[in-house]
Amino acid sequence: MTEQTTAIATVSTMLSAEAGTTFCSIQPNGDRETAKRVYNAMNDPEFRIADFINKTIEVENVLLEIRDILNEESGEISRVPRVVLIDAEGKAYQATSVGMFNVVKNAFAVFGPAPWTPALKMHIKQKAVKNGSMLTATIE
């Protein structure tokens, strides 16, 4: 299996993975500056994707993480994807969103796995769904 095929397969199956499963398209390979970039994207993204509705983010890399969250009303735990989009300057944009996870999964399937050079211009949108709204994106 090639590295590209492995990355696409990993992203495609992440929603069924255990909490804590993480995928990042940036591989530090011992480089401290690159490792800091990944750490900061993982630990302290600067922006929320929801603040960029009707705007474009030029995405070069992604970080995906599976998390368990507690629904305080029902007491149930749900497994959800956390998506961090990373632009060419290393700025990170995050959302806990199945819609944005599907955007990334579909981008991997169509454009190949990140890193994307040139960056994919993702126009962020919000769509009404049965129980509220969902983040999504189109490629410009």
N, C-alpha and C. Protein backbone atom coordinates (compact mmCIF):
# COMPACT_ATOMS: atom_id res chain seq x y z
N MET A 1 0.84 -1.18 0.00
CA MET A 1 0.00 0.00 0.00
C MET A 1 0.89 1.24 0.00
N THR A 2 0.61 2.20 -0.87
CA THR A 2 1.43 3.41 -0.93
C THR A 2 1.09 4.33 0.23
N GLU A 3 1.97 5.30 0.47
CA GLU A 3 1.73 6.28 1.53
C GLU A 3 0.44 7.04 1.28
N GLN A 4 0.19 7.39 0.01
CA GLN A 4 -1.03 8.11 -0.35
C GLN A 4 -2.26 7.25 -0.07
N THR A 5 -2.25 6.01 -0.48
CA THR A 5 -3.37 5.11 -0.25
C THR A 5 -3.60 4.90 1.24
N THR A 6 -2.53 4.77 2.01
CA THR A 6 -2.63 4.60 3.45
C THR A 6 -3.29 5.82 4.09
N ALA A 7 -2.90 7.03 3.69
CA ALA A 7 -3.48 8.25 4.25
C ALA A 7 -4.97 8.33 3.95
N ILE A 8 -5.36 8.03 2.71
CA ILE A 8 -6.78 8.06 2.34
C ILE A 8 -7.56 7.02 3.13
N ALA A 9 -7.02 5.82 3.29
CA ALA A 9 -7.69 4.77 4.05
C ALA A 9 -7.82 5.15 5.52
N THR A 10 -6.78 5.76 6.07
CA THR A 10 -6.81 6.18 7.47
C THR A 10 -7.92 7.19 7.71
N VAL A 11 -7.99 8.21 6.87
CA VAL A 11 -9.01 9.25 7.03
C VAL A 11 -10.39 8.65 6.82
N SER A 12 -10.55 7.78 5.86
CA SER A 12 -11.86 7.18 5.56
C SER A 12 -12.42 6.37 6.72
N THR A 13 -11.55 5.79 7.53
CA THR A 13 -12.02 4.92 8.61
C THR A 13 -11.95 5.58 10.00
N MET A 14 -11.55 6.83 10.07
CA MET A 14 -11.35 7.46 11.38
C MET A 14 -12.61 7.54 12.24
N LEU A 15 -13.77 7.76 11.64
CA LEU A 15 -14.98 7.91 12.45
C LEU A 15 -15.31 6.65 13.24
N SER A 16 -14.80 5.51 12.80
CA SER A 16 -15.03 4.28 13.56
C SER A 16 -13.87 3.96 14.50
N ALA A 17 -12.89 4.84 14.56
CA ALA A 17 -11.71 4.63 15.41
C ALA A 17 -12.01 5.03 16.85
N GLU A 18 -11.12 4.63 17.73
CA GLU A 18 -11.25 4.97 19.15
C GLU A 18 -10.95 6.43 19.39
N ALA A 19 -11.53 6.96 20.48
CA ALA A 19 -11.22 8.34 20.88
C ALA A 19 -9.72 8.46 21.09
N GLY A 20 -9.19 9.58 20.68
CA GLY A 20 -7.75 9.82 20.80
C GLY A 20 -6.99 9.53 19.53
N THR A 21 -7.63 8.84 18.57
CA THR A 21 -6.98 8.58 17.29
C THR A 21 -6.74 9.91 16.59
N THR A 22 -5.52 10.11 16.11
CA THR A 22 -5.15 11.37 15.49
C THR A 22 -4.43 11.11 14.17
N PHE A 23 -4.70 11.97 13.20
CA PHE A 23 -3.99 11.95 11.92
C PHE A 23 -3.56 13.38 11.63
N CYS A 24 -2.31 13.56 11.20
CA CYS A 24 -1.84 14.88 10.79
C CYS A 24 -1.06 14.72 9.49
N SER A 25 -1.34 15.60 8.52
CA SER A 25 -0.65 15.52 7.24
C SER A 25 0.76 16.10 7.30
N ILE A 26 1.09 16.77 8.39
CA ILE A 26 2.44 17.30 8.58
C ILE A 26 3.23 16.29 9.40
N GLN A 27 4.37 15.86 8.88
CA GLN A 27 5.23 14.92 9.60
C GLN A 27 6.51 15.63 10.02
N PRO A 28 6.71 15.86 11.32
CA PRO A 28 7.88 16.62 11.78
C PRO A 28 9.22 15.99 11.43
N ASN A 29 9.32 14.67 11.44
CA ASN A 29 10.56 13.97 11.10
C ASN A 29 11.79 14.56 11.78
N GLY A 30 11.65 14.88 13.06
CA GLY A 30 12.79 15.36 13.84
C GLY A 30 13.05 16.85 13.74
N ASP A 31 12.32 17.57 12.88
CA ASP A 31 12.51 19.01 12.74
C ASP A 31 11.71 19.73 13.83
N ARG A 32 12.40 20.44 14.70
CA ARG A 32 11.78 21.10 15.86
C ARG A 32 10.75 22.15 15.45
N GLU A 33 11.03 22.95 14.42
CA GLU A 33 10.09 23.98 13.99
C GLU A 33 8.80 23.36 13.44
N THR A 34 8.93 22.30 12.68
CA THR A 34 7.75 21.61 12.16
C THR A 34 6.97 20.97 13.29
N ALA A 35 7.68 20.38 14.25
CA ALA A 35 7.02 19.77 15.41
C ALA A 35 6.24 20.83 16.20
N LYS A 36 6.80 22.02 16.35
CA LYS A 36 6.10 23.10 17.06
C LYS A 36 4.84 23.51 16.31
N ARG A 37 4.93 23.53 14.99
CA ARG A 37 3.77 23.87 14.17
C ARG A 37 2.63 22.87 14.38
N VAL A 38 2.97 21.58 14.39
CA VAL A 38 1.96 20.53 14.62
C VAL A 38 1.40 20.66 16.03
N TYR A 39 2.27 20.81 17.01
CA TYR A 39 1.84 20.92 18.40
C TYR A 39 0.87 22.09 18.58
N ASN A 40 1.23 23.25 18.04
CA ASN A 40 0.38 24.43 18.20
C ASN A 40 -0.96 24.26 17.49
N ALA A 41 -0.96 23.63 16.33
CA ALA A 41 -2.22 23.36 15.64
C ALA A 41 -3.09 22.40 16.45
N MET A 42 -2.46 21.44 17.08
CA MET A 42 -3.17 20.45 17.87
C MET A 42 -3.67 21.03 19.19
N ASN A 43 -2.83 21.82 19.84
CA ASN A 43 -3.08 22.25 21.20
C ASN A 43 -3.77 23.61 21.31
N ASP A 44 -3.52 24.50 20.34
CA ASP A 44 -4.02 25.86 20.48
C ASP A 44 -4.28 26.51 19.12
N PRO A 45 -5.27 25.98 18.36
CA PRO A 45 -5.58 26.61 17.07
C PRO A 45 -6.05 28.05 17.29
N GLU A 46 -5.62 28.94 16.39
CA GLU A 46 -5.94 30.36 16.57
C GLU A 46 -7.39 30.70 16.27
N PHE A 47 -8.03 29.97 15.35
CA PHE A 47 -9.34 30.36 14.86
C PHE A 47 -10.36 29.23 14.93
N ARG A 48 -11.64 29.62 14.93
CA ARG A 48 -12.74 28.66 14.80
C ARG A 48 -13.21 28.70 13.34
N ILE A 49 -13.39 27.55 12.74
CA ILE A 49 -13.86 27.50 11.36
C ILE A 49 -15.21 28.21 11.25
N ALA A 50 -16.06 28.08 12.26
CA ALA A 50 -17.39 28.71 12.23
C ALA A 50 -17.32 30.22 12.09
N ASP A 51 -16.20 30.83 12.44
CA ASP A 51 -16.04 32.27 12.28
C ASP A 51 -15.68 32.65 10.84
N PHE A 52 -15.52 31.66 9.97
CA PHE A 52 -15.13 31.91 8.59
C PHE A 52 -16.22 31.52 7.59
N ILE A 53 -17.46 31.45 8.04
CA ILE A 53 -18.57 31.14 7.14
C ILE A 53 -18.65 32.23 6.08
N ASN A 54 -18.80 31.80 4.83
CA ASN A 54 -18.82 32.68 3.65
C ASN A 54 -17.46 33.33 3.38
N LYS A 55 -16.40 32.74 3.91
CA LYS A 55 -15.04 33.18 3.64
C LYS A 55 -14.25 31.98 3.14
N THR A 56 -13.06 32.24 2.62
CA THR A 56 -12.23 31.18 2.07
C THR A 56 -10.98 30.99 2.92
N ILE A 57 -10.66 29.73 3.20
CA ILE A 57 -9.42 29.36 3.89
C ILE A 57 -8.59 28.56 2.89
N GLU A 58 -7.35 28.96 2.71
CA GLU A 58 -6.46 28.24 1.80
C GLU A 58 -5.75 27.15 2.60
N VAL A 59 -6.22 25.93 2.44
CA VAL A 59 -5.80 24.80 3.28
C VAL A 59 -4.67 24.02 2.61
N GLU A 60 -3.57 23.91 3.36
CA GLU A 60 -2.44 23.14 2.88
C GLU A 60 -2.33 21.80 3.62
N ASN A 61 -2.66 21.80 4.92
CA ASN A 61 -2.55 20.60 5.76
C ASN A 61 -3.76 20.46 6.65
N VAL A 62 -3.91 19.27 7.22
CA VAL A 62 -5.01 19.01 8.14
C VAL A 62 -4.54 18.17 9.32
N LEU A 63 -5.23 18.36 10.42
CA LEU A 63 -5.06 17.51 11.59
C LEU A 63 -6.46 17.04 11.96
N LEU A 64 -6.62 15.75 12.13
CA LEU A 64 -7.91 15.16 12.50
C LEU A 64 -7.74 14.39 13.79
N GLU A 65 -8.73 14.51 14.66
CA GLU A 65 -8.68 13.82 15.95
C GLU A 65 -10.08 13.34 16.28
N ILE A 66 -10.17 12.14 16.81
CA ILE A 66 -11.46 11.61 17.25
C ILE A 66 -11.57 11.83 18.76
N ARG A 67 -12.70 12.40 19.16
CA ARG A 67 -12.92 12.72 20.58
C ARG A 67 -14.26 12.16 21.05
N ASP A 68 -14.32 11.89 22.33
CA ASP A 68 -15.59 11.56 22.98
C ASP A 68 -16.06 12.81 23.70
N ILE A 69 -17.33 13.19 23.48
CA ILE A 69 -17.88 14.33 24.21
C ILE A 69 -19.16 13.91 24.91
N LEU A 70 -19.43 14.54 26.03
CA LEU A 70 -20.60 14.23 26.84
C LEU A 70 -21.72 15.18 26.48
N ASN A 71 -22.89 14.61 26.16
CA ASN A 71 -24.09 15.41 25.97
C ASN A 71 -24.67 15.65 27.35
N GLU A 72 -24.59 16.89 27.81
CA GLU A 72 -24.99 17.19 29.18
C GLU A 72 -26.48 16.99 29.42
N GLU A 73 -27.30 17.09 28.39
CA GLU A 73 -28.74 16.88 28.54
C GLU A 73 -29.08 15.41 28.69
N SER A 74 -28.52 14.57 27.81
CA SER A 74 -28.88 13.15 27.82
C SER A 74 -27.93 12.30 28.66
N GLY A 75 -26.73 12.81 28.92
CA GLY A 75 -25.73 12.02 29.64
C GLY A 75 -25.00 11.03 28.75
N GLU A 76 -25.34 11.01 27.47
CA GLU A 76 -24.69 10.09 26.53
C GLU A 76 -23.36 10.64 26.04
N ILE A 77 -22.46 9.73 25.75
CA ILE A 77 -21.17 10.10 25.19
C ILE A 77 -21.22 9.84 23.69
N SER A 78 -20.81 10.83 22.92
CA SER A 78 -20.77 10.70 21.46
C SER A 78 -19.33 10.80 20.98
N ARG A 79 -19.04 10.04 19.96
CA ARG A 79 -17.72 10.10 19.33
C ARG A 79 -17.82 11.09 18.17
N VAL A 80 -16.97 12.11 18.17
CA VAL A 80 -17.03 13.16 17.15
C VAL A 80 -15.63 13.47 16.61
N PRO A 81 -15.58 13.94 15.36
CA PRO A 81 -14.28 14.32 14.80
C PRO A 81 -13.98 15.79 15.08
N ARG A 82 -12.75 16.05 15.44
CA ARG A 82 -12.23 17.41 15.55
C ARG A 82 -11.35 17.62 14.33
N VAL A 83 -11.62 18.69 13.60
CA VAL A 83 -10.91 18.99 12.36
C VAL A 83 -10.13 20.28 12.55
N VAL A 84 -8.85 20.25 12.21
CA VAL A 84 -8.03 21.45 12.23
C VAL A 84 -7.48 21.64 10.82
N LEU A 85 -7.87 22.74 10.19
CA LEU A 85 -7.34 23.11 8.88
C LEU A 85 -6.13 23.99 9.10
N ILE A 86 -5.05 23.75 8.37
CA ILE A 86 -3.81 24.51 8.55
C ILE A 86 -3.45 25.16 7.22
N ASP A 87 -3.29 26.48 7.24
CA ASP A 87 -2.95 27.18 6.00
C ASP A 87 -1.43 27.20 5.79
N ALA A 88 -1.01 27.79 4.69
CA ALA A 88 0.42 27.80 4.32
C ALA A 88 1.29 28.55 5.32
N GLU A 89 0.70 29.47 6.06
CA GLU A 89 1.45 30.24 7.06
C GLU A 89 1.44 29.56 8.43
N GLY A 90 0.79 28.40 8.53
CA GLY A 90 0.75 27.67 9.79
C GLY A 90 -0.40 28.07 10.69
N LYS A 91 -1.29 28.96 10.22
CA LYS A 91 -2.45 29.33 11.03
C LYS A 91 -3.42 28.16 11.04
N ALA A 92 -4.01 27.92 12.20
CA ALA A 92 -4.87 26.76 12.38
C ALA A 92 -6.31 27.19 12.69
N TYR A 93 -7.26 26.47 12.07
CA TYR A 93 -8.68 26.75 12.17
C TYR A 93 -9.37 25.45 12.59
N GLN A 94 -10.13 25.46 13.69
CA GLN A 94 -10.67 24.20 14.19
C GLN A 94 -12.19 24.19 14.27
N ALA A 95 -12.73 22.98 14.20
CA ALA A 95 -14.16 22.73 14.42
C ALA A 95 -14.32 21.29 14.86
N THR A 96 -15.28 21.06 15.71
CA THR A 96 -15.72 19.71 16.02
C THR A 96 -16.96 19.52 15.16
N SER A 97 -16.79 18.81 14.05
CA SER A 97 -17.82 18.83 13.02
C SER A 97 -17.73 17.63 12.09
N VAL A 98 -18.81 16.88 12.01
CA VAL A 98 -18.88 15.78 11.05
C VAL A 98 -18.87 16.34 9.63
N GLY A 99 -19.53 17.48 9.43
CA GLY A 99 -19.55 18.11 8.11
C GLY A 99 -18.16 18.45 7.62
N MET A 100 -17.34 19.08 8.47
CA MET A 100 -15.98 19.43 8.06
C MET A 100 -15.11 18.18 7.92
N PHE A 101 -15.37 17.17 8.72
CA PHE A 101 -14.65 15.91 8.55
C PHE A 101 -14.92 15.35 7.15
N ASN A 102 -16.20 15.39 6.73
CA ASN A 102 -16.55 14.89 5.41
C ASN A 102 -15.92 15.73 4.30
N VAL A 103 -15.79 17.04 4.52
CA VAL A 103 -15.10 17.90 3.55
C VAL A 103 -13.67 17.40 3.35
N VAL A 104 -12.98 17.16 4.45
CA VAL A 104 -11.58 16.71 4.37
C VAL A 104 -11.50 15.32 3.75
N LYS A 105 -12.36 14.41 4.18
CA LYS A 105 -12.36 13.04 3.64
C LYS A 105 -12.58 13.07 2.13
N ASN A 106 -13.54 13.87 1.68
CA ASN A 106 -13.83 13.96 0.25
C ASN A 106 -12.68 14.64 -0.51
N ALA A 107 -12.04 15.63 0.09
CA ALA A 107 -10.89 16.27 -0.54
C ALA A 107 -9.75 15.26 -0.72
N PHE A 108 -9.53 14.41 0.27
CA PHE A 108 -8.51 13.36 0.16
C PHE A 108 -8.84 12.43 -1.00
N ALA A 109 -10.12 12.06 -1.11
CA ALA A 109 -10.53 11.13 -2.16
C ALA A 109 -10.37 11.73 -3.55
N VAL A 110 -10.65 13.03 -3.70
CA VAL A 110 -10.64 13.66 -5.02
C VAL A 110 -9.28 14.26 -5.38
N PHE A 111 -8.65 14.97 -4.44
CA PHE A 111 -7.40 15.68 -4.72
C PHE A 111 -6.16 14.94 -4.24
N GLY A 112 -6.36 13.82 -3.54
CA GLY A 112 -5.24 13.11 -2.93
C GLY A 112 -5.01 13.67 -1.53
N PRO A 113 -4.24 12.99 -0.73
CA PRO A 113 -4.04 13.43 0.66
C PRO A 113 -3.22 14.71 0.76
N ALA A 114 -3.49 15.47 1.80
CA ALA A 114 -2.68 16.65 2.12
C ALA A 114 -1.28 16.16 2.48
N PRO A 115 -0.26 17.00 2.31
CA PRO A 115 -0.31 18.43 2.02
C PRO A 115 -0.68 18.71 0.57
N TRP A 116 -1.47 19.80 0.41
CA TRP A 116 -1.90 20.24 -0.91
C TRP A 116 -1.10 21.46 -1.33
N THR A 117 -0.40 21.33 -2.46
CA THR A 117 0.35 22.45 -3.02
C THR A 117 0.01 22.52 -4.50
N PRO A 118 -0.62 23.58 -4.95
CA PRO A 118 -1.03 24.74 -4.17
C PRO A 118 -2.17 24.38 -3.21
N ALA A 119 -2.36 25.25 -2.24
CA ALA A 119 -3.38 25.02 -1.21
C ALA A 119 -4.77 24.93 -1.83
N LEU A 120 -5.63 24.11 -1.21
CA LEU A 120 -7.03 24.06 -1.63
C LEU A 120 -7.76 25.26 -1.04
N LYS A 121 -8.44 25.99 -1.88
CA LYS A 121 -9.21 27.14 -1.42
C LYS A 121 -10.59 26.65 -1.03
N MET A 122 -10.80 26.48 0.29
CA MET A 122 -12.07 25.99 0.82
C MET A 122 -12.96 27.16 1.23
N HIS A 123 -14.08 27.28 0.53
CA HIS A 123 -15.06 28.31 0.86
C HIS A 123 -16.01 27.71 1.90
N ILE A 124 -15.94 28.21 3.11
CA ILE A 124 -16.69 27.65 4.24
C ILE A 124 -18.15 28.07 4.16
N LYS A 125 -19.04 27.11 4.38
CA LYS A 125 -20.48 27.34 4.34
C LYS A 125 -21.14 26.70 5.56
N GLN A 126 -22.36 27.12 5.80
CA GLN A 126 -23.17 26.50 6.84
C GLN A 126 -24.51 26.15 6.22
N LYS A 127 -24.92 24.89 6.36
CA LYS A 127 -26.18 24.43 5.78
C LYS A 127 -27.13 24.00 6.88
N ALA A 128 -28.40 24.25 6.64
CA ALA A 128 -29.44 23.77 7.57
C ALA A 128 -29.59 22.27 7.40
N VAL A 129 -29.68 21.57 8.53
CA VAL A 129 -29.95 20.14 8.54
C VAL A 129 -31.07 19.87 9.54
N LYS A 130 -31.50 18.64 9.62
CA LYS A 130 -32.65 18.27 10.46
C LYS A 130 -32.59 18.84 11.88
N ASN A 131 -31.45 18.71 12.54
CA ASN A 131 -31.35 19.14 13.94
C ASN A 131 -30.51 20.40 14.12
N GLY A 132 -30.57 21.32 13.18
CA GLY A 132 -29.80 22.56 13.34
C GLY A 132 -29.07 22.93 12.08
N SER A 133 -27.72 22.99 12.17
CA SER A 133 -26.92 23.36 11.01
C SER A 133 -25.62 22.56 10.99
N MET A 134 -24.98 22.59 9.82
CA MET A 134 -23.76 21.81 9.63
C MET A 134 -22.77 22.65 8.83
N LEU A 135 -21.51 22.61 9.23
CA LEU A 135 -20.45 23.25 8.46
C LEU A 135 -20.09 22.37 7.26
N THR A 136 -19.80 23.02 6.16
CA THR A 136 -19.35 22.33 4.96
C THR A 136 -18.49 23.31 4.17
N ALA A 137 -18.02 22.90 3.00
CA ALA A 137 -17.20 23.79 2.18
C ALA A 137 -17.28 23.37 0.72
N THR A 138 -17.04 24.34 -0.13
CA THR A 138 -16.84 24.07 -1.55
C THR A 138 -15.40 24.44 -1.87
N ILE A 139 -14.88 23.87 -2.95
CA ILE A 139 -13.51 24.19 -3.38
C ILE A 139 -13.61 25.21 -4.50
N GLU A 140 -12.88 26.29 -4.35
CA GLU A 140 -12.89 27.35 -5.38
C GLU A 140 -11.79 27.09 -6.39
